[in-house]
N, C-alpha and C. Protein backbone atom coordinates (compact mmCIF):
# COMPACT_ATOMS: atom_id res chain seq x y z
N MET A 1 -7.89 5.29 6.43
CA MET A 1 -6.73 4.73 7.19
C MET A 1 -5.98 5.21 5.96
N SER A 2 -4.80 5.20 6.72
CA SER A 2 -3.96 6.36 5.54
C SER A 2 -3.15 4.84 4.58
N ARG A 3 -2.75 5.36 3.40
CA ARG A 3 -2.40 4.57 2.80
C ARG A 3 -0.60 4.44 2.98
N VAL A 4 -0.34 3.53 3.55
CA VAL A 4 1.13 3.26 4.38
C VAL A 4 0.95 1.81 4.36
N CYS A 5 2.05 1.27 3.75
CA CYS A 5 2.64 -0.14 3.90
C CYS A 5 2.67 -0.48 5.27
N GLU A 6 2.32 -1.42 5.74
CA GLU A 6 2.78 -1.78 7.25
C GLU A 6 4.05 -2.54 7.58
N LEU A 7 4.93 -2.65 6.46
CA LEU A 7 6.12 -3.38 6.56
C LEU A 7 7.40 -2.69 6.07
N THR A 8 7.00 -1.68 5.35
CA THR A 8 7.77 -0.64 4.72
C THR A 8 7.87 0.80 5.09
N GLY A 9 6.76 1.03 5.16
CA GLY A 9 6.46 2.43 5.68
C GLY A 9 6.47 3.22 4.10
N LYS A 10 5.96 2.63 3.15
CA LYS A 10 6.23 3.23 1.45
C LYS A 10 4.70 4.13 2.00
N ARG A 11 4.93 5.41 1.44
CA ARG A 11 3.78 6.27 1.33
C ARG A 11 3.64 7.13 0.51
N ALA A 12 2.20 7.98 0.07
CA ALA A 12 2.52 8.60 -1.16
C ALA A 12 3.35 9.77 -1.44
N MET A 13 3.46 10.08 -2.58
CA MET A 13 4.18 10.98 -2.74
C MET A 13 3.73 11.96 -4.00
N VAL A 14 4.44 13.36 -3.80
CA VAL A 14 3.58 14.69 -4.24
C VAL A 14 4.79 14.70 -5.57
N GLY A 15 4.15 14.98 -6.59
CA GLY A 15 4.60 15.36 -8.10
C GLY A 15 3.59 16.33 -8.81
N ASN A 16 4.17 16.35 -9.87
CA ASN A 16 3.27 16.95 -10.90
C ASN A 16 2.56 16.43 -11.72
N ASN A 17 0.99 16.77 -12.16
CA ASN A 17 0.96 16.78 -13.96
C ASN A 17 0.94 17.84 -15.17
N VAL A 18 2.26 17.12 -15.89
CA VAL A 18 2.67 17.87 -16.71
C VAL A 18 1.80 17.78 -18.18
N SER A 19 1.28 19.26 -18.64
CA SER A 19 0.78 19.13 -19.74
C SER A 19 1.66 19.01 -21.24
N HIS A 20 1.34 19.08 -22.15
CA HIS A 20 1.67 19.25 -23.06
C HIS A 20 2.34 20.77 -23.32
N ALA A 21 1.68 21.59 -22.82
CA ALA A 21 2.39 23.47 -22.62
C ALA A 21 3.26 23.26 -21.28
N LEU A 22 3.20 22.38 -21.07
CA LEU A 22 3.94 22.61 -19.51
C LEU A 22 3.69 22.92 -18.36
N ASN A 23 1.75 23.17 -18.53
CA ASN A 23 1.45 23.88 -17.42
C ASN A 23 1.31 22.55 -16.39
N ARG A 24 1.80 23.19 -14.81
CA ARG A 24 1.90 21.71 -13.96
C ARG A 24 0.66 21.68 -12.72
N THR A 25 0.22 21.04 -12.34
CA THR A 25 -0.97 21.02 -11.05
C THR A 25 -0.62 19.82 -10.65
N LYS A 26 -0.48 19.97 -9.13
CA LYS A 26 -0.41 18.77 -8.12
C LYS A 26 -1.09 17.59 -8.36
N ARG A 27 -0.18 16.56 -7.76
CA ARG A 27 -0.72 14.99 -7.91
C ARG A 27 -0.29 14.41 -6.68
N LYS A 28 -0.47 13.48 -7.05
CA LYS A 28 -0.13 12.31 -5.61
C LYS A 28 0.27 10.76 -6.67
N PHE A 29 1.09 10.47 -6.21
CA PHE A 29 1.74 9.14 -6.51
C PHE A 29 1.60 7.76 -5.45
N ASN A 30 0.31 7.39 -5.41
CA ASN A 30 0.22 6.55 -4.26
C ASN A 30 0.94 5.50 -4.41
N ALA A 31 1.28 4.56 -2.95
CA ALA A 31 2.18 3.25 -3.22
C ALA A 31 0.86 1.84 -3.65
N ASN A 32 1.56 1.12 -3.87
CA ASN A 32 0.43 -0.20 -4.63
C ASN A 32 0.66 -0.56 -3.87
N LEU A 33 -0.65 -0.72 -2.69
CA LEU A 33 -0.86 -1.38 -1.72
C LEU A 33 -1.75 -2.44 -1.92
N VAL A 34 -2.02 -3.56 -1.22
CA VAL A 34 -2.67 -4.76 -1.06
C VAL A 34 -3.02 -4.93 0.40
N LYS A 35 -4.33 -5.32 0.71
CA LYS A 35 -4.56 -6.39 2.06
C LYS A 35 -4.34 -7.52 1.76
N LYS A 36 -3.54 -8.55 2.71
CA LYS A 36 -2.97 -9.50 2.41
C LYS A 36 -2.79 -10.18 3.95
N ARG A 37 -3.71 -11.74 3.72
CA ARG A 37 -3.59 -12.52 4.92
C ARG A 37 -1.92 -13.17 5.51
N PHE A 38 -1.35 -13.42 5.93
CA PHE A 38 -0.12 -14.34 6.11
C PHE A 38 -0.85 -14.86 7.42
N TYR A 39 -0.34 -16.27 6.88
CA TYR A 39 -0.02 -17.64 8.49
C TYR A 39 1.54 -17.01 9.01
N ILE A 40 1.32 -17.12 10.24
CA ILE A 40 2.99 -17.59 11.00
C ILE A 40 3.08 -18.40 11.85
N PRO A 41 3.40 -19.20 11.21
CA PRO A 41 3.49 -21.03 11.86
C PRO A 41 4.08 -21.02 13.40
N GLU A 42 5.11 -19.94 13.46
CA GLU A 42 5.52 -19.41 14.86
C GLU A 42 4.17 -19.22 16.28
N GLU A 43 3.67 -18.78 15.67
CA GLU A 43 2.53 -18.28 16.55
C GLU A 43 1.05 -18.64 16.56
N ASP A 44 1.27 -20.08 15.44
CA ASP A 44 0.00 -20.50 14.57
C ASP A 44 -1.23 -19.79 14.34
N LYS A 45 -1.21 -18.50 14.01
CA LYS A 45 -2.41 -17.28 13.72
C LYS A 45 -1.94 -16.72 12.89
N TRP A 46 -2.99 -16.27 12.26
CA TRP A 46 -3.43 -15.52 10.93
C TRP A 46 -3.05 -13.98 11.42
N ILE A 47 -2.24 -13.25 10.57
CA ILE A 47 -2.52 -11.98 10.21
C ILE A 47 -2.62 -11.11 9.14
N THR A 48 -3.56 -9.95 8.98
CA THR A 48 -4.07 -9.37 7.58
C THR A 48 -3.02 -7.98 8.31
N LEU A 49 -2.19 -7.76 6.88
CA LEU A 49 -1.39 -6.65 6.82
C LEU A 49 -1.90 -5.60 5.45
N LYS A 50 -1.48 -4.18 5.64
CA LYS A 50 -1.88 -3.84 4.29
C LYS A 50 -0.25 -3.50 3.79
N VAL A 51 0.23 -4.01 2.84
CA VAL A 51 1.32 -4.25 2.54
C VAL A 51 1.65 -3.83 0.96
N SER A 52 3.09 -3.02 0.35
CA SER A 52 3.52 -2.90 -0.76
C SER A 52 3.51 -3.68 -1.62
N THR A 53 3.61 -4.24 -2.76
CA THR A 53 3.64 -5.11 -3.58
C THR A 53 5.12 -5.01 -3.59
N SER A 54 6.04 -4.40 -3.65
CA SER A 54 7.79 -4.80 -3.32
C SER A 54 7.49 -5.36 -1.78
N ALA A 55 6.67 -4.92 -1.39
CA ALA A 55 6.83 -6.16 0.26
C ALA A 55 6.41 -7.36 0.11
N LEU A 56 5.61 -7.29 -0.61
CA LEU A 56 5.40 -8.94 -0.80
C LEU A 56 6.18 -10.21 -1.52
N LYS A 57 7.34 -8.66 -2.55
CA LYS A 57 8.38 -9.55 -3.05
C LYS A 57 9.07 -10.00 -1.68
N THR A 58 9.18 -8.98 -0.79
CA THR A 58 10.45 -9.18 0.38
C THR A 58 9.90 -10.24 0.98
N ILE A 59 8.82 -10.62 1.03
CA ILE A 59 8.35 -11.59 2.22
C ILE A 59 8.54 -12.90 1.58
N ASN A 60 7.93 -13.11 -0.08
CA ASN A 60 8.73 -14.44 -0.72
C ASN A 60 9.92 -14.48 -0.56
N LYS A 61 10.67 -13.66 -0.68
CA LYS A 61 12.17 -14.15 -0.74
C LYS A 61 12.65 -14.43 0.59
N ILE A 62 12.07 -13.53 1.94
CA ILE A 62 13.29 -13.87 3.41
C ILE A 62 11.72 -14.46 4.28
N GLY A 63 10.97 -14.31 3.57
CA GLY A 63 9.96 -15.13 4.72
C GLY A 63 9.11 -14.21 5.57
N ILE A 64 8.03 -14.42 5.83
CA ILE A 64 6.90 -13.35 6.73
C ILE A 64 7.92 -13.06 8.16
N SER A 65 8.18 -14.08 8.93
CA SER A 65 8.41 -13.74 10.04
C SER A 65 9.78 -13.00 10.23
N ALA A 66 10.90 -12.47 9.57
CA ALA A 66 11.99 -12.28 9.00
C ALA A 66 11.56 -10.78 8.85
N ALA A 67 10.44 -10.58 7.89
CA ALA A 67 9.81 -9.38 7.56
C ALA A 67 9.01 -8.88 7.93
N ILE A 68 8.41 -8.97 9.27
CA ILE A 68 7.69 -8.70 10.63
C ILE A 68 9.49 -7.78 11.69
N LYS A 69 9.94 -9.40 11.49
CA LYS A 69 11.21 -9.21 13.02
C LYS A 69 11.83 -7.55 12.09
N GLU A 70 12.45 -7.45 11.03
CA GLU A 70 13.10 -6.34 10.70
C GLU A 70 12.20 -4.88 10.62
N ALA A 71 10.63 -4.90 10.24
CA ALA A 71 9.66 -3.78 10.07
C ALA A 71 9.65 -3.40 11.82
N LYS A 72 9.47 -4.61 12.54
CA LYS A 72 9.59 -3.99 14.13
C LYS A 72 10.85 -3.24 14.57
N SER A 73 12.05 -3.88 14.09
CA SER A 73 13.37 -2.80 14.30
C SER A 73 14.01 -1.77 13.53
N LYS A 74 12.83 -1.20 12.91
CA LYS A 74 12.51 -0.15 11.74
C LYS A 74 11.64 1.06 12.60
N GLY A 75 10.82 -0.03 13.42
CA GLY A 75 9.84 0.90 13.77
C GLY A 75 8.26 1.13 13.01
N PHE A 76 7.92 0.32 11.96
CA PHE A 76 7.00 0.97 11.36
C PHE A 76 5.42 -0.65 11.91
N LEU A 77 6.38 -1.38 12.65
CA LEU A 77 5.04 -2.19 13.20
C LEU A 77 5.30 -2.22 14.65
N LYS A 78 4.25 -2.46 15.11
CA LYS A 78 4.20 -2.74 16.64
C LYS A 78 4.49 -3.43 17.09
């Protein structure tokens, strides 16, 4: 399974490890993802999403229903 947030579309970035001697080697910066269950009262069901921790803060602020609606409009969620 890919390391992509299902609500925001965040994914791994590519960068460099830089040593003291300024040698550069490729590395990945993975998104901070957690698997979390959410209860949707409108549909009376639980869903499990793999979301970034920044998406969790957004869900706490605007609510799960609004976050899912926004993700669907942006095309991240079916």
